[in-house]
Amino acid sequence: MKNRLLVFLCVVMVNAGAAAKDNLAVLPFSGGEEGEGDTIAELFSFTELSEAFSIIPRTSINQAVAKEQNFQLGTNMTDPDTAIVLGKQLGARYVVSGSITSLGNRKLLIIAILKIDELRQIAGDFQTYARIEEIQDKLPGMARNIIDAVTRPPLDAGRLAVTPVEMGNNTDSSVADTLVRILSIFLIRSGKYLVYPRTASLEQVQAEYDTQLSGETADEHIVSMGRGDNPRLVLSVGARRLGRRNMFNAAIIDLESGVQLIGRSVNYDTLDDGISAMENLARELTGVRGSLGDTDTAANGEKKSRGAVFGYGALNLVGGLGSFIQRDWGGGATLLAGYGAAAGLIGWELSLDYEDKLAGIPGAVGLGVAGLTAVYGFIRPFVYQRNRGLTETADRINFALVPGERGGTVVRLSYTLKF
């Protein structure tokens, strides 16, 4: 009897644990080649997500998608309203949506997870790949980022609504839409804002907020969707053309006072460098220093392994080659100058006679400069990845050998202030 009771209690506990999992719907990812988005979404649902959530079957999701006319499987992205509608139909507490965009000869996958009852984007991630086999290896890491974000205690941060991009003349709407989604991811990672993606314009959001303050609700659909409690802050974004360059303008506006709290603008040439521009823009908007990417994350969203970072450090021993490969032009130029100065000092030493009063000094200084340059070159890839503010500081330090007032050579160190 006791054994049966124990078995019964164990079954009840297991069922209770299973029931405690929140339902998660992974929608087919839009964009990409035929069937690519659905395949990647299915692979994504097979990751650790299945251990942290109760995954809604693909058959149920496909049936709901077939009935939803606003769902896009082509080049367009799934808007948050459609994702929320599908999530409610499926009985999901969380919905994961994704999009695939061309990035030169590679592809960019962006995913986002929405919390249905709050209409809030909990987290997001992005990775690039050339072949679908490559992204399969990156999906587990993206899944862990999603799980960590959901299980993390909610932050005491400002509530920020993100409206669609306002397009200027001759702007690529697909690129601008992609970049605002990446900007949202960086804003979430900053920890300063809770992000609420919206499909309404700034004017509509303002009117909606004013209606809420008046105690009236003009749109019952908004309340039924959980939008009665609207964010006070809104991010307004505009995409423009500046000659041959693209301009991305972003401003955070307080809906209650109607005042712009902060506004910034960045330029970019292609979607590839637009990604790093979005990280810079997010830092400007939030005041957060350092990288907003994951550990050892490059500007294009690809995680760099420790081995790759060590490799860049080793290549820096050859005239700063590692930094040049990383497109870290400041670091490469600094290393090249350091090795050049060391070679010049050692060459000077070799030209002196043994009895010369300066014999030994240039060589010793040259070896010291070479050693310091080598150490800097090895550390540079780690600093460049983790904290670009620190590298900018390092780049402003100037080192030079100048003739002394009483003869000989002295070391001059200076720091360039940037206003």
Protein backbone atom coordinates (compact mmCIF):
# COMPACT_ATOMS: atom_id res chain seq x y z
CA MET A 1 0.00 0.00 0.00
CA LYS A 2 2.83 2.36 0.93
CA ASN A 3 4.66 1.58 -2.31
CA ARG A 4 1.55 2.34 -4.34
CA LEU A 5 1.12 5.60 -2.46
CA LEU A 6 4.71 6.59 -3.19
CA VAL A 7 4.30 5.79 -6.88
CA PHE A 8 1.08 7.79 -6.98
CA LEU A 9 2.74 10.79 -5.30
CA CYS A 10 5.67 10.62 -7.72
CA VAL A 11 3.32 10.59 -10.71
CA VAL A 12 1.41 13.55 -9.28
CA MET A 13 4.64 15.48 -8.70
CA VAL A 14 5.89 14.76 -12.22
CA ASN A 15 2.58 15.84 -13.73
CA ALA A 16 2.55 18.97 -11.57
CA GLY A 17 6.07 19.82 -12.70
CA ALA A 18 5.09 19.33 -16.34
CA ALA A 19 1.97 21.44 -15.86
CA ALA A 20 4.06 24.22 -14.32
CA LYS A 21 5.81 24.81 -17.65
CA ASP A 22 4.59 27.75 -19.66
CA ASN A 23 3.30 27.12 -23.18
CA LEU A 24 5.58 28.37 -25.95
CA ALA A 25 4.73 28.70 -29.63
CA VAL A 26 7.59 28.92 -32.13
CA LEU A 27 6.10 30.46 -35.27
CA PRO A 28 7.54 29.73 -38.73
CA PHE A 29 10.34 32.18 -39.41
CA SER A 30 9.62 34.56 -42.29
CA GLY A 31 11.96 35.20 -45.20
CA GLY A 32 14.62 32.90 -46.58
CA GLU A 33 14.22 30.32 -49.30
CA GLU A 34 11.12 28.18 -49.60
CA GLY A 35 10.63 26.13 -46.44
CA GLU A 36 13.83 27.46 -44.83
CA GLY A 37 12.08 29.50 -42.15
CA ASP A 38 9.77 26.67 -41.14
CA THR A 39 12.69 24.23 -40.98
CA ILE A 40 14.80 26.50 -38.78
CA ALA A 41 11.83 27.20 -36.50
CA GLU A 42 11.23 23.48 -36.11
CA LEU A 43 14.90 22.86 -35.30
CA PHE A 44 14.77 25.71 -32.80
CA SER A 45 11.86 24.06 -30.98
CA PHE A 46 13.98 20.88 -30.60
CA THR A 47 16.62 22.66 -28.51
CA GLU A 48 16.67 23.19 -24.72
CA LEU A 49 13.44 25.13 -25.16
CA SER A 50 11.59 21.83 -24.94
CA GLU A 51 12.96 21.31 -21.42
CA ALA A 52 12.04 24.80 -20.16
CA PHE A 53 8.65 25.16 -21.90
CA SER A 54 5.73 23.10 -23.09
CA ILE A 55 6.19 23.46 -26.84
CA ILE A 56 2.99 23.73 -28.85
CA PRO A 57 3.07 21.17 -31.72
CA ARG A 58 3.95 22.39 -35.19
CA THR A 59 0.73 21.00 -36.64
CA SER A 60 -1.35 23.25 -34.38
CA ILE A 61 0.84 26.25 -35.22
CA ASN A 62 0.66 25.61 -38.98
CA GLN A 63 -3.13 25.33 -38.82
CA ALA A 64 -3.37 28.64 -36.93
CA VAL A 65 -0.96 30.32 -39.36
CA ALA A 66 -3.01 29.09 -42.34
CA LYS A 67 -6.06 30.87 -40.91
CA GLU A 68 -4.22 34.11 -40.12
CA GLN A 69 -4.22 36.26 -43.27
CA ASN A 70 -1.78 38.81 -41.85
CA PHE A 71 0.98 36.25 -41.28
CA GLN A 72 3.86 36.66 -43.73
CA LEU A 73 6.03 33.75 -44.82
CA GLY A 74 7.74 35.67 -47.60
CA THR A 75 10.30 38.43 -47.33
CA ASN A 76 8.29 40.45 -44.81
CA MET A 77 8.65 40.06 -41.07
CA THR A 78 5.94 38.89 -38.73
CA ASP A 79 4.53 41.94 -36.96
CA PRO A 80 4.01 41.73 -33.19
CA ASP A 81 0.23 42.11 -33.44
CA THR A 82 -0.07 39.01 -35.61
CA ALA A 83 2.25 37.08 -33.29
CA ILE A 84 0.11 38.05 -30.31
CA VAL A 85 -3.12 37.01 -32.08
CA LEU A 86 -1.63 33.62 -32.96
CA GLY A 87 -0.31 33.19 -29.43
CA LYS A 88 -3.75 33.78 -27.97
CA GLN A 89 -5.34 31.35 -30.44
CA LEU A 90 -2.79 28.69 -29.50
CA GLY A 91 -3.05 29.26 -25.75
CA ALA A 92 0.62 30.21 -25.51
CA ARG A 93 2.08 32.44 -22.84
CA TYR A 94 5.17 33.12 -24.95
CA VAL A 95 5.63 33.36 -28.71
CA VAL A 96 8.92 33.18 -30.60
CA SER A 97 9.01 34.79 -34.03
CA GLY A 98 11.92 35.11 -36.40
CA SER A 99 13.00 36.50 -39.75
CA ILE A 100 15.70 35.67 -42.28
CA THR A 101 17.33 38.50 -44.25
CA SER A 102 20.07 38.54 -46.87
CA LEU A 103 23.40 39.92 -45.67
CA GLY A 104 25.67 39.97 -48.71
CA ASN A 105 26.55 36.36 -49.46
CA ARG A 106 25.32 35.33 -46.02
CA LYS A 107 21.98 35.35 -44.23
CA LEU A 108 20.93 37.02 -40.99
CA LEU A 109 18.54 35.29 -38.60
CA ILE A 110 16.79 37.48 -36.02
CA ILE A 111 14.56 35.98 -33.34
CA ALA A 112 12.40 37.61 -30.67
CA ILE A 113 10.30 36.23 -27.83
CA LEU A 114 7.10 38.02 -26.82
CA LYS A 115 5.23 37.69 -23.53
CA ILE A 116 1.57 37.53 -24.49
CA ASP A 117 -0.09 39.00 -21.40
CA GLU A 118 2.24 42.02 -21.34
CA LEU A 119 2.77 42.41 -25.11
CA ARG A 120 6.43 42.83 -24.24
CA GLN A 121 9.51 41.60 -26.04
CA ILE A 122 11.45 39.71 -23.38
CA ALA A 123 14.59 39.12 -25.41
CA GLY A 124 16.04 38.73 -28.88
CA ASP A 125 19.10 37.38 -30.61
CA PHE A 126 20.66 37.34 -34.08
CA GLN A 127 23.21 35.23 -35.91
CA THR A 128 24.55 34.99 -39.47
CA TYR A 129 25.12 31.90 -41.57
CA ALA A 130 26.02 30.91 -45.13
CA ARG A 131 24.46 27.45 -45.12
CA ILE A 132 21.55 26.14 -43.07
CA GLU A 133 23.87 23.55 -41.53
CA GLU A 134 25.78 26.40 -39.86
CA ILE A 135 22.75 27.92 -38.16
CA GLN A 136 21.78 24.53 -36.78
CA ASP A 137 24.90 24.61 -34.59
CA LYS A 138 24.07 28.14 -33.38
CA LEU A 139 20.44 27.53 -32.43
CA PRO A 140 21.22 25.92 -29.02
CA GLY A 141 23.07 29.05 -27.90
CA MET A 142 20.22 31.25 -29.07
CA ALA A 143 17.77 29.04 -27.17
CA ARG A 144 19.80 29.40 -23.96
CA ASN A 145 19.70 33.17 -24.33
CA ILE A 146 15.90 32.99 -24.59
CA ILE A 147 15.61 30.73 -21.54
CA ASP A 148 17.91 32.94 -19.48
CA ALA A 149 15.88 36.03 -20.37
CA VAL A 150 12.57 34.44 -19.39
CA THR A 151 13.83 33.04 -16.09
CA ARG A 152 15.63 36.25 -15.14
CA PRO A 153 13.76 38.41 -12.56
CA PRO A 154 12.03 41.40 -14.19
CA LEU A 155 14.05 44.61 -14.21
CA ASP A 156 12.99 47.88 -12.65
CA ALA A 157 13.34 49.72 -15.93
CA GLY A 158 11.48 52.22 -18.06
CA ARG A 159 8.66 50.99 -20.30
CA LEU A 160 9.47 51.84 -23.91
CA ALA A 161 7.13 51.38 -26.89
CA VAL A 162 8.94 50.92 -30.22
CA THR A 163 6.97 52.16 -33.22
CA PRO A 164 7.51 51.18 -36.88
CA VAL A 165 10.20 52.96 -38.87
CA GLU A 166 9.19 56.16 -40.63
CA MET A 167 10.60 55.77 -44.15
CA GLY A 168 12.18 58.58 -46.12
CA ASN A 169 12.67 58.79 -49.88
CA ASN A 170 14.76 56.07 -51.56
CA THR A 171 15.18 54.07 -48.33
CA ASP A 172 15.16 50.27 -48.22
CA SER A 173 12.23 49.39 -45.96
CA SER A 174 13.38 45.80 -45.37
CA VAL A 175 16.81 46.95 -44.18
CA ALA A 176 15.28 49.64 -41.95
CA ASP A 177 12.82 47.15 -40.42
CA THR A 178 15.66 44.73 -39.77
CA LEU A 179 17.78 47.38 -38.08
CA VAL A 180 15.00 48.59 -35.76
CA ARG A 181 14.54 45.01 -34.56
CA ILE A 182 18.26 44.75 -33.88
CA LEU A 183 18.16 48.12 -32.11
CA SER A 184 15.36 46.77 -29.90
CA ILE A 185 17.54 43.78 -28.98
CA PHE A 186 20.41 46.05 -27.95
CA LEU A 187 18.04 48.25 -25.93
CA ILE A 188 16.79 45.19 -24.05
CA ARG A 189 20.34 44.04 -23.41
CA SER A 190 21.21 47.45 -21.96
CA GLY A 191 18.84 46.73 -19.05
CA LYS A 192 17.56 50.30 -19.09
CA TYR A 193 14.27 49.69 -20.89
CA LEU A 194 11.47 47.14 -21.12
CA VAL A 195 10.61 47.05 -24.81
CA TYR A 196 7.07 46.87 -26.21
CA PRO A 197 7.03 46.50 -30.02
CA ARG A 198 4.10 48.29 -31.67
CA THR A 199 2.53 48.35 -35.10
CA ALA A 200 0.86 51.74 -34.51
CA SER A 201 2.45 55.02 -35.53
CA LEU A 202 3.79 57.57 -33.05
CA GLU A 203 0.63 59.69 -33.45
CA GLN A 204 -1.60 56.67 -32.79
CA VAL A 205 0.40 55.69 -29.73
CA GLN A 206 0.19 59.25 -28.42
CA ALA A 207 -3.60 59.32 -28.94
CA GLU A 208 -3.92 55.93 -27.30
CA TYR A 209 -1.94 57.11 -24.29
CA ASP A 210 -4.01 60.30 -23.98
CA THR A 211 -7.18 58.21 -24.10
CA GLN A 212 -5.86 56.01 -21.30
CA LEU A 213 -5.12 59.07 -19.14
CA SER A 214 -8.64 60.36 -19.66
CA GLY A 215 -10.07 57.18 -18.19
CA GLU A 216 -11.85 56.28 -21.41
CA THR A 217 -11.12 53.57 -23.93
CA ALA A 218 -12.07 54.22 -27.51
CA ASP A 219 -10.85 50.90 -28.86
CA GLU A 220 -12.16 47.84 -27.04
CA HIS A 221 -9.84 45.63 -29.08
CA ILE A 222 -6.85 47.36 -27.51
CA VAL A 223 -8.07 46.54 -24.01
CA SER A 224 -8.88 42.95 -24.90
CA MET A 225 -5.34 42.57 -26.22
CA GLY A 226 -3.92 43.83 -22.95
CA ARG A 227 -2.89 47.29 -24.12
CA GLY A 228 -4.83 49.26 -21.55
CA ASP A 229 -1.62 50.00 -19.63
CA ASN A 230 0.59 51.68 -22.21
CA PRO A 231 4.27 52.59 -21.87
CA ARG A 232 4.91 56.22 -21.09
CA LEU A 233 8.01 56.38 -23.29
CA VAL A 234 8.11 55.74 -27.01
CA LEU A 235 11.00 55.25 -29.42
CA SER A 236 10.43 57.06 -32.71
CA VAL A 237 12.72 55.97 -35.54
CA GLY A 238 13.20 57.44 -39.02
CA ALA A 239 15.23 56.07 -41.93
CA ARG A 240 16.63 58.68 -44.34
CA ARG A 241 19.12 59.00 -47.20
CA LEU A 242 22.09 61.35 -46.86
CA GLY A 243 23.68 61.40 -50.31
CA ARG A 244 25.01 57.90 -50.83
CA ARG A 245 24.85 57.04 -47.15
CA ASN A 246 21.92 55.87 -45.08
CA MET A 247 20.85 57.80 -42.00
CA PHE A 248 19.04 56.28 -39.02
CA ASN A 249 17.46 58.75 -36.59
CA ALA A 250 16.05 57.70 -33.21
CA ALA A 251 14.40 59.71 -30.45
CA ILE A 252 12.88 58.73 -27.09
CA ILE A 253 9.78 60.77 -26.33
CA ASP A 254 7.85 61.16 -23.07
CA LEU A 255 4.19 60.80 -24.06
CA GLU A 256 2.92 62.52 -20.92
CA SER A 257 4.87 65.74 -21.40
CA GLY A 258 5.34 65.44 -25.16
CA VAL A 259 9.04 66.25 -24.70
CA GLN A 260 11.88 64.53 -26.54
CA LEU A 261 14.19 63.15 -23.86
CA ILE A 262 17.06 62.22 -26.16
CA GLY A 263 17.68 62.00 -29.88
CA ARG A 264 20.61 60.57 -31.81
CA SER A 265 21.53 59.83 -35.42
CA VAL A 266 23.92 57.33 -37.00
CA ASN A 267 25.02 56.74 -40.59
CA TYR A 268 25.75 53.43 -42.30
CA ASP A 269 26.43 52.13 -45.81
CA THR A 270 25.12 48.56 -45.77
CA LEU A 271 23.08 46.32 -43.52
CA ASP A 272 26.32 44.71 -42.35
CA ASP A 273 27.82 47.87 -40.84
CA GLY A 274 24.31 49.02 -39.90
CA ILE A 275 24.27 46.31 -37.22
CA SER A 276 27.27 47.78 -35.42
CA ALA A 277 25.73 51.23 -35.92
CA MET A 278 22.63 50.03 -34.02
CA GLU A 279 24.78 48.98 -31.07
CA ASN A 280 26.42 52.40 -31.04
CA LEU A 281 23.01 54.05 -31.27
CA ALA A 282 21.67 51.96 -28.37
CA ARG A 283 24.64 53.00 -26.23
CA GLU A 284 23.97 56.64 -27.08
CA LEU A 285 20.28 56.33 -26.20
CA THR A 286 20.85 54.47 -22.93
CA GLY A 287 24.13 55.93 -21.72
CA VAL A 288 25.47 52.40 -21.21
CA ARG A 289 29.18 52.00 -21.84
CA GLY A 290 30.83 48.92 -23.25
CA SER A 291 29.53 46.19 -25.53
CA LEU A 292 25.81 45.36 -25.64
CA GLY A 293 26.48 42.05 -27.35
CA ASP A 294 27.13 38.66 -25.83
CA THR A 295 30.60 37.73 -24.62
CA ASP A 296 33.10 37.95 -27.48
CA THR A 297 30.40 38.98 -29.96
CA ALA A 298 31.44 40.70 -33.14
CA ALA A 299 29.57 43.57 -34.72
CA ASN A 300 27.78 41.29 -37.16
CA GLY A 301 26.31 39.22 -34.35
CA GLU A 302 28.49 36.12 -34.73
CA LYS A 303 29.97 34.75 -31.53
CA LYS A 304 33.73 34.49 -31.65
CA SER A 305 35.27 31.53 -29.89
CA ARG A 306 38.11 31.89 -27.41
CA GLY A 307 40.36 30.19 -29.95
CA ALA A 308 39.55 32.85 -32.54
CA VAL A 309 40.31 35.67 -30.09
CA PHE A 310 43.64 34.08 -29.12
CA GLY A 311 44.35 33.68 -32.84
CA TYR A 312 43.83 37.40 -33.45
CA GLY A 313 46.19 38.11 -30.54
CA ALA A 314 48.85 35.84 -32.04
CA LEU A 315 48.46 37.42 -35.48
CA ASN A 316 48.99 40.83 -33.89
CA LEU A 317 52.61 39.82 -33.37
CA VAL A 318 52.98 40.22 -37.15
CA GLY A 319 52.58 43.97 -37.52
CA GLY A 320 49.08 44.08 -35.99
CA LEU A 321 47.69 41.73 -38.65
CA GLY A 322 45.02 40.33 -36.30
CA SER A 323 43.57 43.77 -35.61
CA PHE A 324 43.49 44.63 -39.31
CA ILE A 325 41.62 41.39 -40.03
CA GLN A 326 39.08 42.38 -37.35
CA ARG A 327 38.76 45.80 -39.00
CA ASP A 328 40.10 47.26 -35.78
CA TRP A 329 41.97 49.99 -37.64
CA GLY A 330 42.98 51.95 -34.54
CA GLY A 331 44.52 48.91 -32.89
CA GLY A 332 46.29 47.82 -36.07
CA ALA A 333 47.78 51.27 -36.66
CA THR A 334 48.94 51.50 -33.03
CA LEU A 335 50.63 48.10 -33.23
CA LEU A 336 52.25 48.89 -36.55
CA ALA A 337 53.63 52.14 -35.12
CA GLY A 338 54.86 50.37 -31.99
CA TYR A 339 56.71 47.68 -33.91
CA GLY A 340 58.09 50.33 -36.28
CA ALA A 341 59.43 52.38 -33.37
CA ALA A 342 60.99 49.28 -31.80
CA ALA A 343 62.66 48.32 -35.10
CA GLY A 344 64.00 51.86 -35.51
CA LEU A 345 65.49 51.90 -32.00
CA ILE A 346 67.09 48.50 -32.45
CA GLY A 347 68.46 49.59 -35.84
CA TRP A 348 69.88 52.68 -34.17
CA GLU A 349 71.55 50.47 -31.58
CA LEU A 350 73.14 48.32 -34.27
CA SER A 351 74.60 51.43 -35.94
CA LEU A 352 76.42 52.57 -32.78
CA ASP A 353 79.98 51.67 -31.89
CA TYR A 354 80.63 49.68 -28.74
CA GLU A 355 82.39 52.63 -27.13
CA ASP A 356 79.66 55.13 -27.98
CA LYS A 357 78.19 56.73 -24.85
CA LEU A 358 74.64 55.90 -26.04
CA ALA A 359 75.50 52.24 -26.65
CA GLY A 360 72.91 49.95 -25.06
CA ILE A 361 70.25 52.61 -24.46
CA PRO A 362 68.36 52.59 -27.81
CA GLY A 363 68.45 48.79 -27.92
CA ALA A 364 67.10 48.43 -24.40
CA VAL A 365 64.34 50.96 -25.07
CA GLY A 366 63.58 49.27 -28.39
CA LEU A 367 63.23 45.84 -26.78
CA GLY A 368 61.00 47.38 -24.12
CA VAL A 369 58.78 49.01 -26.73
CA ALA A 370 58.59 45.74 -28.68
CA GLY A 371 57.59 43.84 -25.54
CA LEU A 372 54.92 46.35 -24.56
CA THR A 373 53.58 46.40 -28.13
CA ALA A 374 53.40 42.59 -28.19
CA VAL A 375 51.49 42.51 -24.89
CA TYR A 376 49.13 45.22 -26.12
CA GLY A 377 48.59 43.31 -29.37
CA PHE A 378 47.70 40.11 -27.54
CA ILE A 379 45.26 41.84 -25.19
CA ARG A 380 43.74 44.10 -27.85
CA PRO A 381 41.26 41.55 -29.35
CA PHE A 382 39.74 40.87 -25.91
CA VAL A 383 39.40 44.59 -25.13
CA TYR A 384 38.05 45.37 -28.59
CA GLN A 385 35.31 42.77 -28.20
CA ARG A 386 34.31 43.52 -24.62
CA ASN A 387 34.66 47.25 -24.17
CA ARG A 388 34.99 49.58 -27.11
CA GLY A 389 35.00 52.58 -24.80
CA LEU A 390 38.28 51.34 -23.36
CA THR A 391 39.81 50.89 -26.79
CA GLU A 392 38.82 54.41 -27.76
CA THR A 393 40.62 55.61 -24.64
CA ALA A 394 43.70 53.58 -25.56
CA ASP A 395 43.69 54.99 -29.07
CA ARG A 396 43.93 58.53 -27.69
CA ILE A 397 47.22 57.77 -25.91
CA ASN A 398 50.13 58.95 -28.06
CA PHE A 399 53.70 57.69 -27.67
CA ALA A 400 56.69 59.37 -29.28
CA LEU A 401 60.48 59.63 -28.98
CA VAL A 402 61.67 63.25 -29.27
CA PRO A 403 65.07 64.94 -28.92
CA GLY A 404 65.77 66.19 -25.42
CA GLU A 405 66.67 69.79 -24.60
CA ARG A 406 70.11 68.67 -23.35
CA GLY A 407 70.69 66.15 -26.08
CA GLY A 408 69.75 62.53 -26.30
CA THR A 409 66.22 61.23 -26.65
CA VAL A 410 63.26 61.41 -24.29
CA VAL A 411 59.91 59.62 -24.26
CA ARG A 412 56.84 61.81 -24.64
CA LEU A 413 53.38 60.53 -23.68
CA SER A 414 50.29 62.57 -24.47
CA TYR A 415 46.52 62.07 -24.39
CA THR A 416 44.13 63.51 -26.94
CA LEU A 417 40.89 64.85 -25.48
CA LYS A 418 37.78 64.40 -27.59
CA PHE A 419 35.05 67.03 -27.36
